[in-house]
Amino acid sequence: MGISRREFSKLGAMGLAARMMPEVGFAAQGQERKVGYCVIGLGTIADHFMRGVQTSPNSKITGLVSGHRDKAERIAAQYGVPKSSIYSYEDMDKMRDNKTIDAVYVALPNSMHAEYTIRSAKAGKHVLCEKPMSTTVSEAEAMIAACKAMNVKLMIAYRLHYEPLNLKAVKLIRDGALGTVQTMNGAFGFDANPTAWRLNKTLAGGGSLFDVGIYVVNACRYLTGEEPVKFTGVTSTIDQDGRFSTVEENVSWTLKFPSGVVATGSSTYGAQMPGYYKVFASKGWLEMGPAYVYDGLRLRGEYWGGVKGTPNVLIDELNQEKDPMHFTREANHFSECVLENRTPRSSGEEGLKDMEYIRAIYGAAGVSI
C-alpha cells in the first residue's frame, strides 16, 4: 500500500475521539455533475480504482491521502489533483472543508477500514470502502452507525455485484431456468508473498477467509438470494515456512441456507487456486471460472426445459471487458447513488452480514477473531 507495516500499526492505533462534527452537503456541483473521490491509501487496489474512475462518466479523482508525499504528488499530477488536495493520514480530517471532495475510497488494510470510514463520515464525505468491510462485527456496526449519524452513504466494494455475467447467473437462477438449486461449491486462493501485510493478523483480522474466501461466501449469498443459518468450519496450516505465525493458511466451510441448499467453500494462501463457483440444480448447472479476478470471467452451464425433443440450452460466455472495468462499474453505481440519493446495492448492511458469517465460520472452526 506504500506504507510500512510499522506505520500501519501506528495509524491503526490512532483514536477516533476529538473529531469535529462537520456540515454535510454535496459539493461537486456544475454541469458535469461528477462525484469527486478522495482515495485513502495509494497501493495496488487504489491504482485499479483510480484507473477505473478515469473512464467513468460521473466520477473523478479530486483528493489523495498517503503517508508518502512524493508518491502522492506523482499520482496527483497524473490525475489532475491539486497539491492542496493531498493529505497525510494525520491531517486528512481537513478535507471536510474541501468542496471538491464528495466521497472517499478506503483502500487500506482491513484493520484500518473502520477508523478511516468513521473519520471520513465525520468529515461529511460519502464512503466507498474495500472489502472485507472490517475485522470485527462491532467495527462494521460502528461504521454503519457513523455514516447514518452524518447522513452520508456507505457502500462496500463488492465489484462483482455489478459485473454482467454474475448478474446473468443470478437472473437465470431467480427465473427458475435451472430448476431447484440443490448445492453449490466454490474456492479462491493464491500463494501469499511472505512480506504481505495480509499475513499479519493485526492488520488483516484473520487469514485467507477474510481476503479471498469472502468472495465465495458472498457469491453463495447473491446466487441463492438467501442468508445462511448453519455453519461448519475447519482451518489448517500446512506450510511451516514462517508465513503463518499469526494467520491460518487454509479455511474450508459449509453454509446451509433456509431452503436446504448446502454450499461448500475453500480458501488458501498456500497455492494458486483459480477462483470459481459451481451451482447444481434440478434442471441444470452453472459454473463461473475464473470468477473473482479483474477480467476474463467465463460463465458456462447447461439446462433443459423438460419438454420432450427440446434441446438443452448451453451457455459459454466470456466477459471480454478488461481491467479496470469492474472498478468503473463500481464507481458508476456509487456515484449514481450519491447524485440521485439512492441506497447502494452493496450497502454497509451487506458487508456487515459477511462479517457475521465469517465470525460464525471461524467460531465453528474453534478460532477466535
Protein backbone atom coordinates (compact mmCIF):
# COMPACT_ATOMS: atom_id res chain seq x y z
CA MET A 1 0.00 0.00 0.00
CA GLY A 2 3.05 2.28 0.01
CA ILE A 3 3.24 2.43 3.83
CA SER A 4 5.37 0.31 6.10
CA ARG A 5 3.87 -2.24 8.45
CA ARG A 6 5.12 -0.17 11.39
CA GLU A 7 3.37 2.89 10.03
CA PHE A 8 0.15 0.92 9.54
CA SER A 9 0.26 -0.31 13.12
CA LYS A 10 0.81 3.23 14.36
CA LEU A 11 -2.02 4.58 12.24
CA GLY A 12 -4.33 1.75 13.27
CA ALA A 13 -3.86 2.76 16.90
CA MET A 14 -4.91 6.35 16.32
CA GLY A 15 -8.00 7.33 18.27
CA LEU A 16 -11.33 8.34 16.84
CA ALA A 17 -12.20 10.88 19.53
CA ALA A 18 -11.98 14.64 19.33
CA ARG A 19 -13.18 14.79 15.72
CA MET A 20 -15.18 17.91 14.98
CA MET A 21 -18.61 17.31 13.52
CA PRO A 22 -18.70 18.85 10.01
CA GLU A 23 -21.53 20.11 7.93
CA VAL A 24 -22.72 17.68 5.28
CA GLY A 25 -23.51 18.65 1.73
CA PHE A 26 -22.98 17.57 -1.85
CA ALA A 27 -20.09 19.61 -3.16
CA ALA A 28 -19.33 18.60 -6.73
CA GLN A 29 -21.78 20.85 -8.50
CA GLY A 30 -21.74 22.06 -12.06
CA GLN A 31 -22.79 20.91 -15.44
CA GLU A 32 -20.88 17.62 -15.40
CA ARG A 33 -22.28 16.53 -12.03
CA LYS A 34 -19.32 14.29 -11.29
CA VAL A 35 -18.70 12.93 -7.83
CA GLY A 36 -15.23 13.80 -6.56
CA TYR A 37 -13.37 10.97 -4.78
CA CYS A 38 -10.52 11.24 -2.32
CA VAL A 39 -8.54 7.98 -2.38
CA ILE A 40 -7.22 6.92 1.03
CA GLY A 41 -4.19 4.65 0.60
CA LEU A 42 -2.28 4.53 -2.68
CA GLY A 43 -1.45 0.85 -3.12
CA THR A 44 -2.32 -1.70 -5.80
CA ILE A 45 -6.09 -1.79 -5.30
CA ALA A 46 -6.24 2.02 -5.33
CA ASP A 47 -4.47 2.04 -8.70
CA HIS A 48 -7.18 -0.20 -10.16
CA PHE A 49 -9.89 2.07 -8.77
CA MET A 50 -8.32 5.31 -9.99
CA ARG A 51 -7.83 3.92 -13.48
CA GLY A 52 -11.45 2.79 -13.41
CA VAL A 53 -12.64 6.25 -12.42
CA GLN A 54 -10.80 7.74 -15.41
CA THR A 55 -13.38 6.14 -17.74
CA SER A 56 -16.40 6.84 -15.53
CA PRO A 57 -18.92 9.38 -16.83
CA ASN A 58 -19.95 10.53 -13.35
CA SER A 59 -16.81 10.21 -11.19
CA LYS A 60 -13.42 11.84 -10.85
CA ILE A 61 -10.39 11.78 -8.53
CA THR A 62 -10.16 15.02 -6.55
CA GLY A 63 -8.08 14.15 -3.49
CA LEU A 64 -5.46 11.76 -2.12
CA VAL A 65 -4.42 10.57 1.34
CA SER A 66 -1.00 8.99 1.72
CA GLY A 67 1.90 8.60 4.12
CA HIS A 68 4.33 9.36 1.28
CA ARG A 69 4.05 12.89 -0.06
CA ASP A 70 6.37 12.32 -3.02
CA LYS A 71 4.37 9.34 -4.25
CA ALA A 72 1.12 11.22 -3.73
CA GLU A 73 2.36 14.20 -5.75
CA ARG A 74 3.33 11.94 -8.66
CA ILE A 75 -0.12 10.36 -8.69
CA ALA A 76 -1.83 13.72 -8.21
CA ALA A 77 -0.11 15.06 -11.33
CA GLN A 78 -1.33 12.02 -13.26
CA TYR A 79 -4.98 12.58 -12.26
CA GLY A 80 -5.04 16.36 -12.17
CA VAL A 81 -5.38 16.61 -8.39
CA PRO A 82 -4.03 19.89 -6.95
CA LYS A 83 -1.34 19.66 -4.28
CA SER A 84 -3.71 21.40 -1.86
CA SER A 85 -5.94 18.30 -2.03
CA ILE A 86 -3.20 15.91 -0.89
CA TYR A 87 -3.43 14.93 2.78
CA SER A 88 -1.46 12.85 5.25
CA TYR A 89 -3.20 10.32 7.49
CA GLU A 90 -2.82 12.70 10.40
CA ASP A 91 -4.41 15.76 8.75
CA MET A 92 -6.96 14.15 6.42
CA ASP A 93 -9.83 15.44 8.58
CA LYS A 94 -9.18 18.84 6.97
CA MET A 95 -10.86 17.54 3.82
CA ARG A 96 -14.16 18.47 5.47
CA ASP A 97 -13.52 21.94 4.07
CA ASN A 98 -12.61 20.72 0.57
CA LYS A 99 -15.71 21.20 -1.55
CA THR A 100 -14.25 19.26 -4.47
CA ILE A 101 -14.35 16.05 -2.41
CA ASP A 102 -17.75 14.41 -2.11
CA ALA A 103 -16.74 10.84 -1.28
CA VAL A 104 -13.76 8.74 -0.27
CA TYR A 105 -12.48 5.38 -1.40
CA VAL A 106 -10.91 3.50 1.53
CA ALA A 107 -8.14 1.29 0.11
CA LEU A 108 -6.25 0.45 3.32
CA PRO A 109 -5.53 -2.82 5.15
CA ASN A 110 -8.59 -4.38 6.76
CA SER A 111 -7.90 -3.24 10.32
CA MET A 112 -7.92 0.40 9.21
CA HIS A 113 -11.25 0.35 7.39
CA ALA A 114 -13.33 1.24 10.43
CA GLU A 115 -11.24 4.19 11.58
CA TYR A 116 -10.94 5.84 8.20
CA THR A 117 -14.57 5.21 7.30
CA ILE A 118 -15.69 6.83 10.53
CA ARG A 119 -13.29 9.75 10.17
CA SER A 120 -14.46 10.32 6.60
CA ALA A 121 -18.11 10.21 7.63
CA LYS A 122 -17.43 12.76 10.35
CA ALA A 123 -15.83 14.95 7.69
CA GLY A 124 -19.15 14.80 5.82
CA LYS A 125 -17.96 12.53 3.00
CA HIS A 126 -19.73 9.52 1.50
CA VAL A 127 -17.71 6.31 1.83
CA LEU A 128 -16.87 3.53 -0.63
CA CYS A 129 -14.88 1.02 1.44
CA GLU A 130 -12.98 -2.00 0.20
CA LYS A 131 -13.94 -5.46 1.34
CA PRO A 132 -13.82 -7.05 3.82
CA MET A 133 -15.71 -4.26 5.50
CA SER A 134 -13.78 -4.58 8.75
CA THR A 135 -12.13 -7.13 11.01
CA THR A 136 -14.96 -7.48 13.54
CA VAL A 137 -18.74 -7.28 13.64
CA SER A 138 -18.63 -4.44 16.15
CA GLU A 139 -16.43 -2.37 13.83
CA ALA A 140 -18.85 -2.91 10.97
CA GLU A 141 -21.76 -1.82 13.14
CA ALA A 142 -19.85 1.31 14.19
CA MET A 143 -19.13 2.17 10.54
CA ILE A 144 -22.82 1.92 9.64
CA ALA A 145 -23.83 3.97 12.68
CA ALA A 146 -21.31 6.73 11.92
CA CYS A 147 -22.46 7.07 8.32
CA LYS A 148 -26.12 7.15 9.33
CA ALA A 149 -25.42 9.75 12.01
CA MET A 150 -23.81 12.05 9.42
CA ASN A 151 -26.36 11.23 6.70
CA VAL A 152 -23.69 10.00 4.28
CA LYS A 153 -23.81 6.88 2.16
CA LEU A 154 -21.74 3.77 2.79
CA MET A 155 -21.02 1.20 0.10
CA ILE A 156 -18.77 -1.86 0.33
CA ALA A 157 -16.71 -2.54 -2.79
CA TYR A 158 -18.28 -5.81 -3.91
CA ARG A 159 -17.45 -5.15 -7.55
CA LEU A 160 -18.95 -8.46 -8.76
CA HIS A 161 -22.42 -7.24 -7.78
CA TYR A 162 -22.16 -5.03 -10.88
CA GLU A 163 -20.47 -7.46 -13.31
CA PRO A 164 -22.67 -8.63 -16.25
CA LEU A 165 -22.04 -12.40 -16.16
CA ASN A 166 -22.60 -12.61 -12.41
CA LEU A 167 -25.82 -10.70 -12.90
CA LYS A 168 -26.83 -13.14 -15.66
CA ALA A 169 -26.13 -16.12 -13.39
CA VAL A 170 -28.31 -14.60 -10.69
CA LYS A 171 -31.14 -13.94 -13.15
CA LEU A 172 -31.07 -17.49 -14.53
CA ILE A 173 -31.40 -18.88 -11.02
CA ARG A 174 -34.11 -16.40 -9.98
CA ASP A 175 -36.10 -17.06 -13.16
CA GLY A 176 -36.09 -20.79 -12.43
CA ALA A 177 -34.24 -21.75 -15.60
CA LEU A 178 -32.11 -24.23 -13.64
CA GLY A 179 -34.98 -25.56 -11.60
CA THR A 180 -34.43 -26.03 -7.88
CA VAL A 181 -30.91 -25.34 -6.64
CA GLN A 182 -29.59 -28.23 -4.57
CA THR A 183 -25.95 -27.50 -3.80
CA MET A 184 -23.02 -25.30 -4.80
CA ASN A 185 -19.32 -25.01 -4.16
CA GLY A 186 -16.54 -22.53 -4.70
CA ALA A 187 -12.92 -21.73 -3.94
CA PHE A 188 -10.32 -19.00 -4.28
CA GLY A 189 -6.70 -18.58 -3.22
CA PHE A 190 -3.10 -17.82 -4.07
CA ASP A 191 0.42 -18.38 -2.81
CA ALA A 192 0.93 -15.44 -0.46
CA ASN A 193 4.02 -13.25 -0.52
CA PRO A 194 5.80 -13.59 2.85
CA THR A 195 6.11 -9.79 3.16
CA ALA A 196 2.41 -9.10 2.55
CA TRP A 197 0.53 -7.17 5.25
CA ARG A 198 -2.34 -9.66 4.92
CA LEU A 199 -0.23 -12.25 6.77
CA ASN A 200 -0.25 -10.02 9.87
CA LYS A 201 -3.41 -10.71 11.88
CA THR A 202 -3.31 -7.26 13.46
CA LEU A 203 -3.70 -5.70 10.02
CA ALA A 204 -5.77 -8.38 8.26
CA GLY A 205 -8.07 -9.63 11.01
CA GLY A 206 -7.54 -13.24 10.01
CA GLY A 207 -6.29 -15.47 7.22
CA SER A 208 -7.41 -16.35 3.71
CA LEU A 209 -11.14 -16.33 4.51
CA PHE A 210 -11.04 -12.57 5.14
CA ASP A 211 -9.19 -11.81 1.92
CA VAL A 212 -10.30 -14.28 -0.75
CA GLY A 213 -12.74 -16.66 0.90
CA ILE A 214 -15.16 -13.78 1.36
CA TYR A 215 -15.71 -13.77 -2.42
CA VAL A 216 -17.02 -17.34 -2.22
CA VAL A 217 -19.21 -16.66 0.80
CA ASN A 218 -20.70 -13.58 -0.81
CA ALA A 219 -21.28 -15.35 -4.14
CA CYS A 220 -23.24 -18.12 -2.44
CA ARG A 221 -25.44 -15.48 -0.86
CA TYR A 222 -26.19 -13.50 -4.02
CA LEU A 223 -26.67 -16.63 -6.10
CA THR A 224 -29.19 -18.21 -3.71
CA GLY A 225 -30.75 -14.93 -2.61
CA GLU A 226 -30.77 -16.39 0.90
CA GLU A 227 -28.86 -15.90 4.14
CA PRO A 228 -27.11 -18.93 5.71
CA VAL A 229 -28.40 -20.27 9.01
CA LYS A 230 -25.93 -23.05 9.84
CA PHE A 231 -22.14 -23.14 9.57
CA THR A 232 -19.21 -25.51 9.80
CA GLY A 233 -15.56 -24.56 9.53
CA VAL A 234 -12.09 -26.10 9.52
CA THR A 235 -8.71 -24.37 9.36
CA SER A 236 -5.23 -25.71 8.70
CA THR A 237 -1.68 -24.56 8.12
CA ILE A 238 0.46 -26.94 6.09
CA ASP A 239 3.48 -24.82 5.14
CA GLN A 240 5.72 -24.27 8.16
CA ASP A 241 7.79 -21.60 6.43
CA GLY A 242 7.21 -18.74 8.81
CA ARG A 243 4.44 -17.02 6.86
CA PHE A 244 1.60 -18.22 9.04
CA SER A 245 2.63 -17.37 12.57
CA THR A 246 -0.47 -15.23 13.19
CA VAL A 247 -3.00 -16.26 10.50
CA GLU A 248 -4.14 -19.64 9.18
CA GLU A 249 -3.22 -20.77 5.68
CA ASN A 250 -6.35 -22.73 4.68
CA VAL A 251 -10.03 -22.47 5.56
CA SER A 252 -12.88 -24.74 4.43
CA TRP A 253 -16.53 -24.39 5.41
CA THR A 254 -20.14 -25.22 4.70
CA LEU A 255 -23.14 -22.92 4.69
CA LYS A 256 -26.70 -24.24 4.99
CA PHE A 257 -29.49 -21.99 3.73
CA PRO A 258 -33.17 -21.97 4.81
CA SER A 259 -34.27 -23.68 1.57
CA GLY A 260 -31.95 -26.60 2.33
CA VAL A 261 -29.23 -25.60 -0.16
CA VAL A 262 -25.78 -26.51 1.14
CA ALA A 263 -22.75 -24.58 -0.11
CA THR A 264 -19.16 -25.63 0.45
CA GLY A 265 -16.18 -23.32 0.13
CA SER A 266 -12.41 -23.20 0.49
CA SER A 267 -9.73 -20.53 0.54
CA THR A 268 -5.95 -20.70 0.75
CA TYR A 269 -2.77 -18.64 0.98
CA GLY A 270 -0.63 -21.63 0.09
CA ALA A 271 -1.40 -22.42 -3.56
CA GLN A 272 -2.62 -20.87 -6.78
CA MET A 273 -6.32 -21.68 -6.66
CA PRO A 274 -8.18 -20.13 -9.61
CA GLY A 275 -11.41 -18.74 -8.27
CA TYR A 276 -14.63 -20.46 -9.29
CA TYR A 277 -18.14 -21.34 -8.22
CA LYS A 278 -20.46 -24.12 -9.39
CA VAL A 279 -24.22 -24.36 -8.95
CA PHE A 280 -26.08 -27.68 -9.32
CA ALA A 281 -29.87 -27.70 -9.70
CA SER A 282 -32.71 -29.99 -10.73
CA LYS A 283 -32.70 -28.84 -14.36
CA GLY A 284 -29.08 -27.96 -14.95
CA TRP A 285 -25.87 -26.41 -13.70
CA LEU A 286 -23.81 -23.22 -13.89
CA GLU A 287 -20.10 -22.63 -13.47
CA MET A 288 -18.14 -19.39 -13.32
CA GLY A 289 -14.41 -19.76 -13.70
CA PRO A 290 -12.44 -17.65 -13.41
CA ALA A 291 -14.99 -15.99 -11.17
CA TYR A 292 -13.36 -13.35 -8.99
CA VAL A 293 -10.46 -11.78 -10.90
CA TYR A 294 -10.49 -8.43 -12.69
CA ASP A 295 -11.04 -9.63 -16.26
CA GLY A 296 -11.58 -12.76 -18.35
CA LEU A 297 -14.58 -14.04 -16.37
CA ARG A 298 -16.28 -17.00 -18.04
CA LEU A 299 -19.76 -18.41 -17.44
CA ARG A 300 -20.61 -21.94 -18.58
CA GLY A 301 -23.65 -24.06 -18.00
CA GLU A 302 -26.41 -26.28 -19.31
CA TYR A 303 -30.10 -26.52 -18.53
CA TRP A 304 -33.17 -28.10 -20.02
CA GLY A 305 -36.82 -27.12 -20.15
CA GLY A 306 -38.28 -30.56 -19.61
CA VAL A 307 -40.18 -30.65 -22.92
CA LYS A 308 -39.52 -33.81 -24.90
CA GLY A 309 -37.49 -33.18 -28.01
CA THR A 310 -36.34 -29.73 -26.89
CA PRO A 311 -32.55 -29.40 -26.97
CA ASN A 312 -30.69 -28.41 -23.87
CA VAL A 313 -29.65 -24.78 -23.56
CA LEU A 314 -25.86 -24.43 -23.49
CA ILE A 315 -24.08 -21.42 -22.00
CA ASP A 316 -20.49 -20.44 -22.69
CA GLU A 317 -19.89 -16.72 -22.39
CA LEU A 318 -16.72 -14.75 -21.79
CA ASN A 319 -16.69 -11.22 -20.42
CA GLN A 320 -14.17 -9.58 -22.70
CA GLU A 321 -14.08 -6.32 -20.76
CA LYS A 322 -10.60 -5.55 -19.46
CA ASP A 323 -9.37 -4.36 -16.10
CA PRO A 324 -10.26 -1.85 -14.62
CA MET A 325 -13.86 -2.06 -15.95
CA HIS A 326 -15.08 -3.72 -12.72
CA PHE A 327 -13.95 -0.63 -10.84
CA THR A 328 -15.55 1.70 -13.39
CA ARG A 329 -18.91 -0.02 -12.90
CA GLU A 330 -18.47 0.10 -9.13
CA ALA A 331 -17.69 3.84 -9.16
CA ASN A 332 -20.57 4.49 -11.58
CA HIS A 333 -23.04 2.85 -9.21
CA PHE A 334 -21.89 4.63 -6.08
CA SER A 335 -21.77 7.99 -7.83
CA GLU A 336 -25.32 7.44 -9.11
CA CYS A 337 -26.40 6.71 -5.54
CA VAL A 338 -24.77 9.94 -4.32
CA LEU A 339 -26.18 12.04 -7.15
CA GLU A 340 -29.67 10.55 -7.00
CA ASN A 341 -29.86 9.93 -3.24
CA ARG A 342 -30.26 6.16 -3.57
CA THR A 343 -29.09 3.34 -1.31
CA PRO A 344 -26.13 1.40 -2.77
CA ARG A 345 -26.80 -2.18 -3.81
CA SER A 346 -23.80 -3.38 -1.76
CA SER A 347 -24.51 -1.29 1.32
CA GLY A 348 -22.85 -1.35 4.70
CA GLU A 349 -25.51 -3.80 5.85
CA GLU A 350 -24.37 -6.19 3.12
CA GLY A 351 -20.81 -6.00 4.39
CA LEU A 352 -21.95 -6.49 7.98
CA LYS A 353 -23.65 -9.76 7.09
CA ASP A 354 -20.44 -11.20 5.65
CA MET A 355 -18.59 -10.17 8.82
CA GLU A 356 -21.19 -12.05 10.87
CA TYR A 357 -20.81 -15.15 8.69
CA ILE A 358 -17.01 -15.02 8.74
CA ARG A 359 -17.19 -14.88 12.54
CA ALA A 360 -19.57 -17.87 12.53
CA ILE A 361 -17.26 -19.93 10.27
CA TYR A 362 -14.22 -19.20 12.42
CA GLY A 363 -16.26 -19.92 15.53
CA ALA A 364 -17.29 -23.29 14.13
CA ALA A 365 -13.61 -23.97 13.48
CA GLY A 366 -12.71 -23.05 17.05
CA VAL A 367 -10.75 -19.95 16.00
CA SER A 368 -11.16 -16.67 17.84
CA ILE A 369 -11.19 -13.47 15.76
